[in-house]
Structures are given as C-alpha cells and as structure tokens.
Amino acid sequence: MAKVAVLTGDLVGSTEAGPAAVEDSFACLASAADEIGRWAPDLPPRLTRFRGDGWQLMTQAALGLRAALYVLARLRAAAALGTRIAIGIGEAAQDAAADPAADLAAARGTAFEASGRALDALPRHRTLAVAGAGLTLLHPVVADLLAAHARRWTLPQAEAAALYLHPDNPTLTDIAPRLGITPQAVNYRLAGGALPTIRAALRGWEHAFERWEANGSWNP
C-alpha cells in the first residue's frame, strides 16, 4: 500500500483570539488545502476540523513537508493564527482513501496514528514535527530546521513563500506579477526568508521519499 502523509494541527492562541479569528484562519486553511489537492489530484486532502481549533489533511508521503510549510506560509501571509503541525508518514486504511468526499474524522492507519501521537508530544514552543515507521533520525531534524526559518518569515516573505513553494518551481518572473512587484523585489523577499535553501531541501527530501517508496531504501 502506498505511503501517505497525514498533517494534524491545532491553531495557536485560538482562545484568546476569539471565534472570528478562528473562522478566518480555517477559511485560509481550506484555501490552502484546495491548492495542496491540486498538487496530488489522486489523493484529495479532505481538510477536516475537530476539537474546535484542530485540523487534519492528507497528501502524498513525499509532499508532506512541502504541504506543512505551505500551510505555515499561507496562514502567515494572511495574518491569520499560527498553527502547530505534526506530519505522520505511513499507511492509510483502505476505507480512509475510498471515498474522496468523506472527511478524515474516522480514518485509520499508521500515518494517522503517527501524526496524532507526534502532535500530542510536540512542545508548545515548537511548530513542526514528523514521525513514522522507517524514518531516520535526520527527518525530524530537517523538518525542525526548516520550521525555524518559517517562524521568522515576515508577512511579505510568507506571501512570496506561498507562491515559491509550489511543486512546479515557479520562477521570479512567474511570481512577480502575482505580487505586483519586480522580480528583483521577489528575489529579495525569498532570500531574506531562506526560500532558495528551503526549496533545495524539499527537492532532496522528496527525491529521497520517492526512492524509499520505490526501493525500500533511503540510499541512492
């Protein structure tokens, strides 16, 4: 059975922010999930809300880290509430993927279990965790390092990041018209947010996952 990535998260500061801020943040999450669904159309993300400020979505295993960083960028760019995210890598039970219209509330499988446990164990001061059978000690380290960069994104940097993190690897000239700025200004934002380094790390992460799923090994 193919591996999936399950992202489980909860909004930060939702009680203090109030219901309107929570609803605005979930609207942003829903928009982000729609975009993630276009990255892997064979596996709808099926964003599901639970426990008031909790949420969950699913995507391909290789895309889990990119999807998590994209969610962080979208929320920051919208000046919405932040979120903690735990990525669980593993399998989804057949009934979890059978109905694209169903939510994930009753879904089962090792990816869901790993994601839920990782979020429960994630310290409040951290943003991102990754867990799952077969992962190496380097996987959570890489995720934590990239999340540290994401926590420092300014709003303009996050706006650029949300476009730059698309798997099609858009160029500066692709992004500039959408932000209404010059390619040079786009480059300035991306460099300030360490986005070229993050994109390179994501390519390496995803290529390694593709090898792992094909050959059962992290080695080239």
N, C-alpha and C. Protein backbone atom coordinates (compact mmCIF):
# COMPACT_ATOMS: atom_id res chain seq x y z
N MET A 1 0.84 -1.19 0.00
CA MET A 1 0.00 0.00 0.00
C MET A 1 0.88 1.24 0.00
N ALA A 2 0.55 2.24 -0.81
CA ALA A 2 1.34 3.45 -0.91
C ALA A 2 1.32 4.22 0.40
N LYS A 3 2.44 4.85 0.70
CA LYS A 3 2.54 5.67 1.90
C LYS A 3 1.83 7.01 1.68
N VAL A 4 1.31 7.58 2.75
CA VAL A 4 0.70 8.91 2.71
C VAL A 4 1.30 9.75 3.82
N ALA A 5 1.09 11.05 3.73
CA ALA A 5 1.44 11.97 4.81
C ALA A 5 0.13 12.53 5.37
N VAL A 6 -0.05 12.40 6.66
CA VAL A 6 -1.19 12.98 7.34
C VAL A 6 -0.68 14.15 8.18
N LEU A 7 -1.23 15.33 7.93
CA LEU A 7 -0.89 16.51 8.71
C LEU A 7 -1.98 16.75 9.73
N THR A 8 -1.60 16.75 11.00
CA THR A 8 -2.53 17.05 12.08
C THR A 8 -2.04 18.32 12.76
N GLY A 9 -2.93 19.29 12.96
CA GLY A 9 -2.51 20.55 13.54
C GLY A 9 -3.53 21.13 14.49
N ASP A 10 -3.09 22.13 15.23
CA ASP A 10 -4.02 22.92 16.03
C ASP A 10 -3.58 24.38 15.98
N LEU A 11 -4.56 25.26 15.96
CA LEU A 11 -4.28 26.69 15.88
C LEU A 11 -3.69 27.18 17.19
N VAL A 12 -2.81 28.15 17.08
CA VAL A 12 -2.13 28.70 18.25
C VAL A 12 -2.86 29.97 18.71
N GLY A 13 -3.17 30.03 19.99
CA GLY A 13 -3.79 31.23 20.54
C GLY A 13 -5.24 31.41 20.15
N SER A 14 -5.94 30.34 19.86
CA SER A 14 -7.31 30.46 19.36
C SER A 14 -8.28 30.98 20.43
N THR A 15 -8.08 30.58 21.68
CA THR A 15 -8.99 31.03 22.73
C THR A 15 -8.91 32.54 22.92
N GLU A 16 -7.69 33.05 22.97
CA GLU A 16 -7.51 34.49 23.16
C GLU A 16 -7.95 35.28 21.93
N ALA A 17 -7.78 34.71 20.75
CA ALA A 17 -8.09 35.45 19.52
C ALA A 17 -9.58 35.59 19.28
N GLY A 18 -10.37 34.61 19.71
CA GLY A 18 -11.80 34.70 19.54
C GLY A 18 -12.32 33.97 18.31
N PRO A 19 -13.64 33.75 18.25
CA PRO A 19 -14.25 32.95 17.17
C PRO A 19 -14.01 33.51 15.77
N ALA A 20 -14.05 34.82 15.59
CA ALA A 20 -13.90 35.38 14.25
C ALA A 20 -12.52 35.08 13.69
N ALA A 21 -11.49 35.22 14.51
CA ALA A 21 -10.12 34.93 14.06
C ALA A 21 -9.96 33.45 13.73
N VAL A 22 -10.60 32.60 14.53
CA VAL A 22 -10.53 31.16 14.27
C VAL A 22 -11.19 30.83 12.93
N GLU A 23 -12.36 31.40 12.68
CA GLU A 23 -13.06 31.11 11.42
C GLU A 23 -12.27 31.64 10.23
N ASP A 24 -11.67 32.82 10.36
CA ASP A 24 -10.84 33.35 9.27
C ASP A 24 -9.64 32.44 9.01
N SER A 25 -9.07 31.91 10.07
CA SER A 25 -7.91 31.03 9.93
C SER A 25 -8.31 29.72 9.26
N PHE A 26 -9.49 29.20 9.60
CA PHE A 26 -9.94 27.96 8.95
C PHE A 26 -10.30 28.20 7.50
N ALA A 27 -10.78 29.38 7.16
CA ALA A 27 -11.02 29.69 5.75
C ALA A 27 -9.71 29.69 4.98
N CYS A 28 -8.66 30.21 5.59
CA CYS A 28 -7.34 30.19 4.96
C CYS A 28 -6.82 28.76 4.82
N LEU A 29 -7.01 27.95 5.86
CA LEU A 29 -6.61 26.54 5.80
C LEU A 29 -7.34 25.81 4.68
N ALA A 30 -8.63 26.09 4.53
CA ALA A 30 -9.41 25.43 3.48
C ALA A 30 -8.89 25.80 2.09
N SER A 31 -8.54 27.07 1.91
CA SER A 31 -7.98 27.50 0.63
C SER A 31 -6.63 26.83 0.38
N ALA A 32 -5.81 26.74 1.42
CA ALA A 32 -4.51 26.08 1.28
C ALA A 32 -4.69 24.60 0.94
N ALA A 33 -5.65 23.95 1.59
CA ALA A 33 -5.90 22.53 1.32
C ALA A 33 -6.36 22.32 -0.12
N ASP A 34 -7.17 23.23 -0.64
CA ASP A 34 -7.60 23.12 -2.04
C ASP A 34 -6.39 23.14 -2.97
N GLU A 35 -5.43 24.03 -2.68
CA GLU A 35 -4.24 24.11 -3.52
C GLU A 35 -3.39 22.85 -3.38
N ILE A 36 -3.22 22.36 -2.18
CA ILE A 36 -2.46 21.11 -1.97
C ILE A 36 -3.12 19.96 -2.72
N GLY A 37 -4.45 19.98 -2.78
CA GLY A 37 -5.16 18.95 -3.53
C GLY A 37 -4.81 18.96 -5.01
N ARG A 38 -4.47 20.12 -5.54
CA ARG A 38 -4.08 20.19 -6.95
C ARG A 38 -2.68 19.65 -7.19
N TRP A 39 -1.87 19.57 -6.14
CA TRP A 39 -0.54 19.00 -6.29
C TRP A 39 -0.61 17.49 -6.50
N ALA A 40 -1.58 16.85 -5.88
CA ALA A 40 -1.72 15.39 -5.95
C ALA A 40 -3.19 15.06 -6.12
N PRO A 41 -3.74 15.28 -7.32
CA PRO A 41 -5.19 15.15 -7.51
C PRO A 41 -5.74 13.75 -7.28
N ASP A 42 -4.87 12.74 -7.25
CA ASP A 42 -5.34 11.38 -6.99
C ASP A 42 -5.57 11.12 -5.50
N LEU A 43 -5.22 12.09 -4.65
CA LEU A 43 -5.37 11.90 -3.21
C LEU A 43 -5.91 13.20 -2.60
N PRO A 44 -7.24 13.40 -2.63
CA PRO A 44 -7.82 14.64 -2.09
C PRO A 44 -7.42 14.85 -0.64
N PRO A 45 -7.06 16.08 -0.26
CA PRO A 45 -6.59 16.33 1.12
C PRO A 45 -7.66 16.19 2.17
N ARG A 46 -8.93 16.51 1.81
CA ARG A 46 -10.07 16.33 2.71
C ARG A 46 -9.83 16.97 4.08
N LEU A 47 -9.57 18.28 4.06
CA LEU A 47 -9.38 19.01 5.30
C LEU A 47 -10.54 18.75 6.25
N THR A 48 -10.22 18.35 7.46
CA THR A 48 -11.23 18.01 8.46
C THR A 48 -10.93 18.77 9.75
N ARG A 49 -11.94 19.39 10.28
CA ARG A 49 -11.81 20.16 11.52
C ARG A 49 -12.28 19.32 12.70
N PHE A 50 -11.58 19.43 13.82
CA PHE A 50 -12.02 18.71 15.01
C PHE A 50 -11.56 19.46 16.26
N ARG A 51 -12.21 19.19 17.36
CA ARG A 51 -11.91 19.79 18.67
C ARG A 51 -11.81 21.31 18.62
N GLY A 52 -12.63 21.93 17.82
CA GLY A 52 -12.69 23.39 17.80
C GLY A 52 -11.61 24.05 17.00
N ASP A 53 -10.34 23.88 17.41
CA ASP A 53 -9.24 24.53 16.70
C ASP A 53 -8.27 23.53 16.09
N GLY A 54 -8.66 22.25 16.05
CA GLY A 54 -7.81 21.22 15.46
C GLY A 54 -8.19 20.94 14.02
N TRP A 55 -7.24 20.42 13.26
CA TRP A 55 -7.50 20.13 11.85
C TRP A 55 -6.59 19.00 11.38
N GLN A 56 -6.95 18.44 10.23
CA GLN A 56 -6.19 17.34 9.65
C GLN A 56 -6.39 17.32 8.15
N LEU A 57 -5.32 16.98 7.42
CA LEU A 57 -5.44 16.76 5.99
C LEU A 57 -4.43 15.69 5.58
N MET A 58 -4.58 15.20 4.35
CA MET A 58 -3.77 14.10 3.87
C MET A 58 -3.22 14.43 2.48
N THR A 59 -1.99 13.97 2.21
CA THR A 59 -1.41 14.13 0.88
C THR A 59 -0.41 13.01 0.65
N GLN A 60 0.28 13.04 -0.47
CA GLN A 60 1.29 12.03 -0.74
C GLN A 60 2.43 12.13 0.28
N ALA A 61 3.04 11.01 0.60
CA ALA A 61 4.09 10.99 1.61
C ALA A 61 5.22 11.97 1.28
N ALA A 62 5.65 11.98 0.04
CA ALA A 62 6.77 12.83 -0.34
C ALA A 62 6.45 14.31 -0.19
N LEU A 63 5.17 14.67 -0.30
CA LEU A 63 4.77 16.07 -0.28
C LEU A 63 4.42 16.59 1.12
N GLY A 64 4.55 15.76 2.14
CA GLY A 64 4.11 16.14 3.47
C GLY A 64 4.81 17.37 4.02
N LEU A 65 6.13 17.44 3.90
CA LEU A 65 6.87 18.58 4.43
C LEU A 65 6.58 19.85 3.63
N ARG A 66 6.52 19.73 2.33
CA ARG A 66 6.18 20.90 1.50
C ARG A 66 4.79 21.42 1.86
N ALA A 67 3.84 20.50 2.03
CA ALA A 67 2.48 20.91 2.37
C ALA A 67 2.45 21.63 3.72
N ALA A 68 3.20 21.14 4.70
CA ALA A 68 3.22 21.76 6.01
C ALA A 68 3.78 23.18 5.94
N LEU A 69 4.88 23.36 5.21
CA LEU A 69 5.47 24.69 5.08
C LEU A 69 4.56 25.62 4.30
N TYR A 70 3.86 25.07 3.33
CA TYR A 70 2.90 25.88 2.56
C TYR A 70 1.77 26.37 3.46
N VAL A 71 1.26 25.51 4.31
CA VAL A 71 0.21 25.91 5.24
C VAL A 71 0.72 27.03 6.15
N LEU A 72 1.94 26.89 6.67
CA LEU A 72 2.50 27.93 7.53
C LEU A 72 2.63 29.25 6.77
N ALA A 73 3.05 29.18 5.50
CA ALA A 73 3.20 30.39 4.70
C ALA A 73 1.85 31.06 4.45
N ARG A 74 0.85 30.26 4.11
CA ARG A 74 -0.46 30.83 3.81
C ARG A 74 -1.06 31.52 5.04
N LEU A 75 -0.96 30.89 6.19
CA LEU A 75 -1.51 31.49 7.40
C LEU A 75 -0.77 32.77 7.75
N ARG A 76 0.55 32.75 7.65
CA ARG A 76 1.33 33.95 7.97
C ARG A 76 1.03 35.06 6.98
N ALA A 77 0.94 34.73 5.70
CA ALA A 77 0.67 35.75 4.68
C ALA A 77 -0.69 36.40 4.87
N ALA A 78 -1.64 35.66 5.42
CA ALA A 78 -2.98 36.19 5.66
C ALA A 78 -3.12 36.86 7.02
N ALA A 79 -2.00 36.92 7.77
CA ALA A 79 -2.04 37.46 9.14
C ALA A 79 -3.08 36.71 9.98
N ALA A 80 -3.21 35.41 9.70
CA ALA A 80 -4.14 34.56 10.45
C ALA A 80 -3.42 33.98 11.66
N LEU A 81 -4.12 33.16 12.42
CA LEU A 81 -3.50 32.49 13.55
C LEU A 81 -2.44 31.51 13.06
N GLY A 82 -1.42 31.30 13.85
CA GLY A 82 -0.43 30.29 13.53
C GLY A 82 -0.95 28.91 13.87
N THR A 83 -0.17 27.91 13.52
CA THR A 83 -0.57 26.55 13.82
C THR A 83 0.67 25.70 14.10
N ARG A 84 0.50 24.71 14.94
CA ARG A 84 1.50 23.64 15.08
C ARG A 84 1.07 22.52 14.14
N ILE A 85 2.04 21.79 13.59
CA ILE A 85 1.73 20.72 12.63
C ILE A 85 2.59 19.50 12.93
N ALA A 86 1.97 18.34 12.96
CA ALA A 86 2.68 17.07 13.05
C ALA A 86 2.40 16.28 11.78
N ILE A 87 3.47 15.88 11.09
CA ILE A 87 3.36 15.09 9.86
C ILE A 87 3.55 13.63 10.23
N GLY A 88 2.57 12.81 9.94
CA GLY A 88 2.68 11.38 10.15
C GLY A 88 2.85 10.66 8.82
N ILE A 89 3.90 9.90 8.68
CA ILE A 89 4.17 9.16 7.45
C ILE A 89 3.84 7.69 7.68
N GLY A 90 3.04 7.13 6.80
CA GLY A 90 2.69 5.72 6.94
C GLY A 90 1.57 5.36 5.99
N GLU A 91 0.79 4.39 6.38
CA GLU A 91 -0.29 3.91 5.53
C GLU A 91 -1.63 4.44 6.04
N ALA A 92 -2.58 4.52 5.12
CA ALA A 92 -3.96 4.83 5.46
C ALA A 92 -4.78 3.58 5.18
N ALA A 93 -5.65 3.21 6.11
CA ALA A 93 -6.52 2.06 5.88
C ALA A 93 -7.35 2.29 4.64
N GLN A 94 -7.73 1.24 3.99
CA GLN A 94 -8.41 1.35 2.70
C GLN A 94 -9.64 2.25 2.77
N ASP A 95 -10.40 2.16 3.87
CA ASP A 95 -11.61 2.96 3.96
C ASP A 95 -11.30 4.44 4.13
N ALA A 96 -10.05 4.78 4.51
CA ALA A 96 -9.67 6.18 4.65
C ALA A 96 -9.49 6.85 3.31
N ALA A 97 -9.20 6.08 2.28
CA ALA A 97 -8.98 6.65 0.96
C ALA A 97 -10.09 6.31 -0.02
N ALA A 98 -11.08 5.52 0.43
CA ALA A 98 -12.08 5.01 -0.51
C ALA A 98 -13.04 6.07 -1.01
N ASP A 99 -13.44 6.99 -0.15
CA ASP A 99 -14.45 7.99 -0.51
C ASP A 99 -13.85 9.38 -0.49
N PRO A 100 -13.54 9.96 -1.65
CA PRO A 100 -12.91 11.27 -1.68
C PRO A 100 -13.75 12.37 -1.05
N ALA A 101 -15.07 12.15 -0.93
CA ALA A 101 -15.94 13.17 -0.36
C ALA A 101 -16.02 13.10 1.17
N ALA A 102 -15.56 11.99 1.74
CA ALA A 102 -15.66 11.81 3.19
C ALA A 102 -14.57 12.58 3.91
N ASP A 103 -14.85 12.94 5.18
CA ASP A 103 -13.80 13.61 5.94
C ASP A 103 -12.91 12.56 6.58
N LEU A 104 -11.94 13.03 7.39
CA LEU A 104 -10.94 12.13 7.96
C LEU A 104 -11.23 11.81 9.42
N ALA A 105 -12.41 12.18 9.90
CA ALA A 105 -12.70 12.03 11.32
C ALA A 105 -12.57 10.58 11.79
N ALA A 106 -13.00 9.64 10.97
CA ALA A 106 -12.97 8.24 11.38
C ALA A 106 -11.88 7.45 10.65
N ALA A 107 -10.98 8.16 9.97
CA ALA A 107 -9.94 7.46 9.20
C ALA A 107 -8.95 6.78 10.13
N ARG A 108 -8.35 5.70 9.63
CA ARG A 108 -7.42 4.90 10.42
C ARG A 108 -6.17 4.61 9.60
N GLY A 109 -5.15 4.14 10.29
CA GLY A 109 -3.92 3.75 9.63
C GLY A 109 -2.71 4.29 10.37
N THR A 110 -1.54 3.75 10.03
CA THR A 110 -0.33 4.12 10.76
C THR A 110 0.03 5.59 10.59
N ALA A 111 -0.30 6.20 9.45
CA ALA A 111 0.01 7.62 9.25
C ALA A 111 -0.80 8.48 10.21
N PHE A 112 -2.07 8.14 10.43
CA PHE A 112 -2.92 8.89 11.35
C PHE A 112 -2.43 8.71 12.80
N GLU A 113 -2.05 7.50 13.14
CA GLU A 113 -1.58 7.24 14.50
C GLU A 113 -0.28 8.01 14.77
N ALA A 114 0.65 7.97 13.80
CA ALA A 114 1.93 8.67 13.99
C ALA A 114 1.72 10.18 14.09
N SER A 115 0.84 10.71 13.27
CA SER A 115 0.59 12.15 13.28
C SER A 115 -0.03 12.60 14.59
N GLY A 116 -1.03 11.88 15.07
CA GLY A 116 -1.69 12.24 16.31
C GLY A 116 -0.75 12.18 17.50
N ARG A 117 0.05 11.11 17.58
CA ARG A 117 1.00 10.99 18.69
C ARG A 117 2.05 12.09 18.64
N ALA A 118 2.51 12.41 17.44
CA ALA A 118 3.54 13.43 17.31
C ALA A 118 3.03 14.80 17.72
N LEU A 119 1.78 15.12 17.38
CA LEU A 119 1.24 16.41 17.80
C LEU A 119 1.06 16.45 19.32
N ASP A 120 0.61 15.36 19.91
CA ASP A 120 0.44 15.33 21.36
C ASP A 120 1.78 15.53 22.07
N ALA A 121 2.87 15.05 21.46
CA ALA A 121 4.19 15.15 22.08
C ALA A 121 4.93 16.43 21.73
N LEU A 122 4.40 17.21 20.79
CA LEU A 122 5.10 18.41 20.32
C LEU A 122 5.06 19.50 21.38
N PRO A 123 6.21 19.99 21.84
CA PRO A 123 6.20 21.08 22.83
C PRO A 123 5.50 22.32 22.29
N ARG A 124 4.92 23.09 23.17
CA ARG A 124 4.14 24.25 22.74
C ARG A 124 4.99 25.27 22.00
N HIS A 125 6.29 25.33 22.27
CA HIS A 125 7.14 26.33 21.64
C HIS A 125 7.65 25.89 20.27
N ARG A 126 7.35 24.67 19.85
CA ARG A 126 7.79 24.19 18.54
C ARG A 126 6.63 24.20 17.56
N THR A 127 6.98 24.26 16.27
CA THR A 127 5.98 24.42 15.22
C THR A 127 5.70 23.14 14.46
N LEU A 128 6.72 22.30 14.27
CA LEU A 128 6.60 21.21 13.30
C LEU A 128 7.29 19.97 13.81
N ALA A 129 6.66 18.82 13.55
CA ALA A 129 7.25 17.53 13.87
C ALA A 129 6.94 16.56 12.74
N VAL A 130 7.76 15.53 12.60
CA VAL A 130 7.48 14.48 11.62
C VAL A 130 7.81 13.15 12.27
N ALA A 131 6.96 12.15 12.03
CA ALA A 131 7.14 10.85 12.65
C ALA A 131 6.58 9.78 11.73
N GLY A 132 7.06 8.55 11.93
CA GLY A 132 6.55 7.43 11.15
C GLY A 132 7.56 6.31 11.09
N ALA A 133 7.08 5.09 10.95
CA ALA A 133 7.96 3.93 10.87
C ALA A 133 8.87 4.04 9.65
N GLY A 134 10.13 3.75 9.83
CA GLY A 134 11.08 3.75 8.72
C GLY A 134 11.83 5.04 8.54
N LEU A 135 11.40 6.12 9.21
CA LEU A 135 12.11 7.38 9.07
C LEU A 135 13.43 7.32 9.85
N THR A 136 14.40 8.10 9.40
CA THR A 136 15.69 8.15 10.07
C THR A 136 15.70 9.29 11.09
N LEU A 137 16.76 9.37 11.86
CA LEU A 137 16.90 10.45 12.84
C LEU A 137 17.04 11.81 12.18
N LEU A 138 17.43 11.84 10.91
CA LEU A 138 17.62 13.10 10.22
C LEU A 138 16.29 13.76 9.83
N HIS A 139 15.25 12.97 9.62
CA HIS A 139 13.98 13.55 9.15
C HIS A 139 13.41 14.59 10.11
N PRO A 140 13.28 14.31 11.40
CA PRO A 140 12.77 15.37 12.29
C PRO A 140 13.72 16.54 12.42
N VAL A 141 15.02 16.30 12.27
CA VAL A 141 15.99 17.40 12.35
C VAL A 141 15.79 18.36 11.18
N VAL A 142 15.67 17.80 9.97
CA VAL A 142 15.45 18.65 8.79
C VAL A 142 14.15 19.42 8.92
N ALA A 143 13.09 18.75 9.33
CA ALA A 143 11.80 19.42 9.48
C ALA A 143 11.89 20.55 10.49
N ASP A 144 12.58 20.32 11.59
CA ASP A 144 12.70 21.34 12.63
C ASP A 144 13.51 22.54 12.13
N LEU A 145 14.57 22.29 11.37
CA LEU A 145 15.38 23.38 10.84
C LEU A 145 14.58 24.24 9.86
N LEU A 146 13.81 23.61 8.99
CA LEU A 146 13.02 24.39 8.03
C LEU A 146 11.91 25.16 8.75
N ALA A 147 11.33 24.54 9.77
CA ALA A 147 10.30 25.25 10.54
C ALA A 147 10.88 26.46 11.26
N ALA A 148 12.14 26.37 11.69
CA ALA A 148 12.77 27.51 12.35
C ALA A 148 12.87 28.70 11.40
N HIS A 149 13.17 28.44 10.13
CA HIS A 149 13.17 29.52 9.14
C HIS A 149 11.76 30.07 8.96
N ALA A 150 10.77 29.18 8.87
CA ALA A 150 9.39 29.61 8.64
C ALA A 150 8.88 30.49 9.77
N ARG A 151 9.29 30.20 11.00
CA ARG A 151 8.83 31.01 12.13
C ARG A 151 9.30 32.46 12.03
N ARG A 152 10.36 32.70 11.27
CA ARG A 152 10.92 34.05 11.15
C ARG A 152 10.42 34.79 9.92
N TRP A 153 9.58 34.16 9.11
CA TRP A 153 9.09 34.85 7.91
C TRP A 153 8.29 36.08 8.29
N THR A 154 8.59 37.19 7.61
CA THR A 154 7.71 38.35 7.69
C THR A 154 6.50 38.08 6.81
N LEU A 155 5.51 38.95 6.92
CA LEU A 155 4.32 38.78 6.09
C LEU A 155 4.67 38.83 4.60
N PRO A 156 5.47 39.81 4.11
CA PRO A 156 5.84 39.81 2.69
C PRO A 156 6.63 38.57 2.28
N GLN A 157 7.51 38.10 3.15
CA GLN A 157 8.26 36.88 2.83
C GLN A 157 7.33 35.68 2.74
N ALA A 158 6.34 35.61 3.62
CA ALA A 158 5.39 34.50 3.58
C ALA A 158 4.53 34.54 2.32
N GLU A 159 4.16 35.75 1.88
CA GLU A 159 3.40 35.87 0.63
C GLU A 159 4.20 35.30 -0.54
N ALA A 160 5.49 35.64 -0.59
CA ALA A 160 6.33 35.11 -1.66
C ALA A 160 6.54 33.60 -1.49
N ALA A 161 6.72 33.16 -0.25
CA ALA A 161 6.94 31.74 0.01
C ALA A 161 5.76 30.90 -0.45
N ALA A 162 4.54 31.37 -0.22
CA ALA A 162 3.35 30.61 -0.59
C ALA A 162 3.31 30.34 -2.09
N LEU A 163 3.85 31.24 -2.88
CA LEU A 163 3.91 31.03 -4.33
C LEU A 163 5.14 30.20 -4.71
N TYR A 164 6.25 30.48 -4.08
CA TYR A 164 7.52 29.83 -4.43
C TYR A 164 7.54 28.35 -4.07
N LEU A 165 6.76 27.95 -3.07
CA LEU A 165 6.76 26.56 -2.62
C LEU A 165 5.93 25.63 -3.49
N HIS A 166 5.31 26.13 -4.53
CA HIS A 166 4.55 25.26 -5.43
C HIS A 166 5.49 24.22 -6.05
N PRO A 167 5.07 22.95 -6.16
CA PRO A 167 5.94 21.91 -6.71
C PRO A 167 6.41 22.16 -8.14
N ASP A 168 5.73 23.02 -8.89
CA ASP A 168 6.16 23.32 -10.26
C ASP A 168 7.36 24.26 -10.31
N ASN A 169 7.85 24.70 -9.14
CA ASN A 169 9.04 25.54 -9.06
C ASN A 169 8.93 26.81 -9.91
N PRO A 170 7.97 27.68 -9.61
CA PRO A 170 7.82 28.92 -10.38
C PRO A 170 9.06 29.80 -10.26
N THR A 171 9.30 30.58 -11.31
CA THR A 171 10.45 31.47 -11.35
C THR A 171 10.09 32.83 -10.74
N LEU A 172 11.11 33.67 -10.61
CA LEU A 172 10.88 35.02 -10.10
C LEU A 172 9.93 35.78 -11.01
N THR A 173 10.09 35.60 -12.31
CA THR A 173 9.22 36.31 -13.25
C THR A 173 7.80 35.75 -13.24
N ASP A 174 7.63 34.50 -12.84
CA ASP A 174 6.28 33.96 -12.66
C ASP A 174 5.59 34.59 -11.45
N ILE A 175 6.36 34.78 -10.40
CA ILE A 175 5.80 35.23 -9.13
C ILE A 175 5.56 36.73 -9.10
N ALA A 176 6.44 37.50 -9.72
CA ALA A 176 6.40 38.96 -9.61
C ALA A 176 5.04 39.58 -9.96
N PRO A 177 4.40 39.21 -11.09
CA PRO A 177 3.11 39.82 -11.40
C PRO A 177 2.03 39.51 -10.38
N ARG A 178 2.10 38.36 -9.76
CA ARG A 178 1.08 37.98 -8.78
C ARG A 178 1.21 38.78 -7.49
N LEU A 179 2.41 39.26 -7.22
CA LEU A 179 2.63 40.08 -6.03
C LEU A 179 2.63 41.57 -6.36
N GLY A 180 2.67 41.90 -7.63
CA GLY A 180 2.69 43.30 -8.03
C GLY A 180 4.00 43.99 -7.73
N ILE A 181 5.09 43.23 -7.79
CA ILE A 181 6.42 43.79 -7.54
C ILE A 181 7.36 43.28 -8.61
N THR A 182 8.60 43.77 -8.61
CA THR A 182 9.57 43.37 -9.61
C THR A 182 10.18 42.01 -9.26
N PRO A 183 10.75 41.31 -10.26
CA PRO A 183 11.47 40.07 -9.94
C PRO A 183 12.59 40.29 -8.93
N GLN A 184 13.25 41.43 -9.01
CA GLN A 184 14.32 41.72 -8.05
C GLN A 184 13.78 41.80 -6.62
N ALA A 185 12.61 42.42 -6.49
CA ALA A 185 11.99 42.51 -5.16
C ALA A 185 11.55 41.14 -4.66
N VAL A 186 11.06 40.30 -5.57
CA VAL A 186 10.72 38.92 -5.20
C VAL A 186 11.96 38.20 -4.68
N ASN A 187 13.06 38.35 -5.41
CA ASN A 187 14.31 37.70 -5.01
C ASN A 187 14.74 38.17 -3.62
N TYR A 188 14.57 39.45 -3.34
CA TYR A 188 14.95 39.99 -2.04
C TYR A 188 14.11 39.35 -0.93
N ARG A 189 12.81 39.21 -1.16
CA ARG A 189 11.95 38.57 -0.16
C ARG A 189 12.34 37.11 0.05
N LEU A 190 12.54 36.40 -1.04
CA LEU A 190 12.85 34.98 -0.94
C LEU A 190 14.18 34.74 -0.25
N ALA A 191 15.17 35.54 -0.60
CA ALA A 191 16.48 35.38 0.02
C ALA A 191 16.41 35.67 1.52
N GLY A 192 15.66 36.70 1.89
CA GLY A 192 15.52 37.03 3.30
C GLY A 192 14.84 35.94 4.11
N GLY A 193 13.99 35.15 3.46
CA GLY A 193 13.29 34.06 4.13
C GLY A 193 13.94 32.70 3.93
N ALA A 194 15.16 32.67 3.37
CA ALA A 194 15.90 31.42 3.13
C ALA A 194 15.15 30.47 2.21
N LEU A 195 14.30 31.02 1.33
CA LEU A 195 13.47 30.15 0.49
C LEU A 195 14.26 29.36 -0.55
N PRO A 196 15.31 29.90 -1.18
CA PRO A 196 16.07 29.05 -2.10
C PRO A 196 16.65 27.82 -1.41
N THR A 197 17.15 28.00 -0.19
CA THR A 197 17.68 26.86 0.57
C THR A 197 16.57 25.89 0.92
N ILE A 198 15.42 26.41 1.31
CA ILE A 198 14.28 25.55 1.66
C ILE A 198 13.81 24.77 0.45
N ARG A 199 13.75 25.43 -0.72
CA ARG A 199 13.31 24.71 -1.92
C ARG A 199 14.28 23.59 -2.25
N ALA A 200 15.57 23.83 -2.14
CA ALA A 200 16.56 22.79 -2.42
C ALA A 200 16.41 21.63 -1.44
N ALA A 201 16.18 21.95 -0.16
CA ALA A 201 16.00 20.90 0.83
C ALA A 201 14.75 20.07 0.53
N LEU A 202 13.68 20.72 0.10
CA LEU A 202 12.45 20.00 -0.23
C LEU A 202 12.65 19.07 -1.42
N ARG A 203 13.42 19.53 -2.42
CA ARG A 203 13.68 18.65 -3.57
C ARG A 203 14.42 17.40 -3.12
N GLY A 204 15.45 17.58 -2.27
CA GLY A 204 16.17 16.42 -1.76
C GLY A 204 15.29 15.51 -0.93
N TRP A 205 14.46 16.10 -0.09
CA TRP A 205 13.51 15.33 0.75
C TRP A 205 12.58 14.50 -0.13
N GLU A 206 12.01 15.10 -1.15
CA GLU A 206 11.03 14.41 -1.98
C GLU A 206 11.68 13.34 -2.86
N HIS A 207 12.86 13.61 -3.37
CA HIS A 207 13.56 12.58 -4.15
C HIS A 207 13.89 11.37 -3.27
N ALA A 208 14.30 11.64 -2.02
CA ALA A 208 14.61 10.54 -1.10
C ALA A 208 13.36 9.72 -0.80
N PHE A 209 12.23 10.38 -0.61
CA PHE A 209 10.98 9.67 -0.34
C PHE A 209 10.56 8.83 -1.54
N GLU A 210 10.76 9.36 -2.74
CA GLU A 210 10.42 8.58 -3.94
C GLU A 210 11.26 7.32 -4.02
N ARG A 211 12.56 7.43 -3.69
CA ARG A 211 13.41 6.23 -3.68
C ARG A 211 12.96 5.25 -2.61
N TRP A 212 12.62 5.80 -1.45
CA TRP A 212 12.20 4.94 -0.33
C TRP A 212 10.94 4.17 -0.68
N GLU A 213 9.98 4.85 -1.29
CA GLU A 213 8.74 4.17 -1.66
C GLU A 213 8.96 3.15 -2.77
N ALA A 214 9.90 3.44 -3.68
CA ALA A 214 10.15 2.52 -4.80
C ALA A 214 11.02 1.35 -4.41
N ASN A 215 12.03 1.60 -3.54
CA ASN A 215 13.04 0.58 -3.29
C ASN A 215 13.15 0.14 -1.82
N GLY A 216 12.42 0.82 -0.94
CA GLY A 216 12.51 0.50 0.46
C GLY A 216 13.82 0.91 1.10
N SER A 217 14.54 1.87 0.47
CA SER A 217 15.83 2.29 0.99
C SER A 217 15.99 3.79 0.80
N TRP A 218 16.68 4.44 1.74
CA TRP A 218 16.97 5.85 1.62
C TRP A 218 18.23 6.10 0.79
N ASN A 219 18.97 5.05 0.50
CA ASN A 219 20.23 5.21 -0.24
C ASN A 219 19.95 5.42 -1.72
N PRO A 220 20.80 6.17 -2.42
CA PRO A 220 20.64 6.38 -3.87
C PRO A 220 20.67 5.07 -4.63
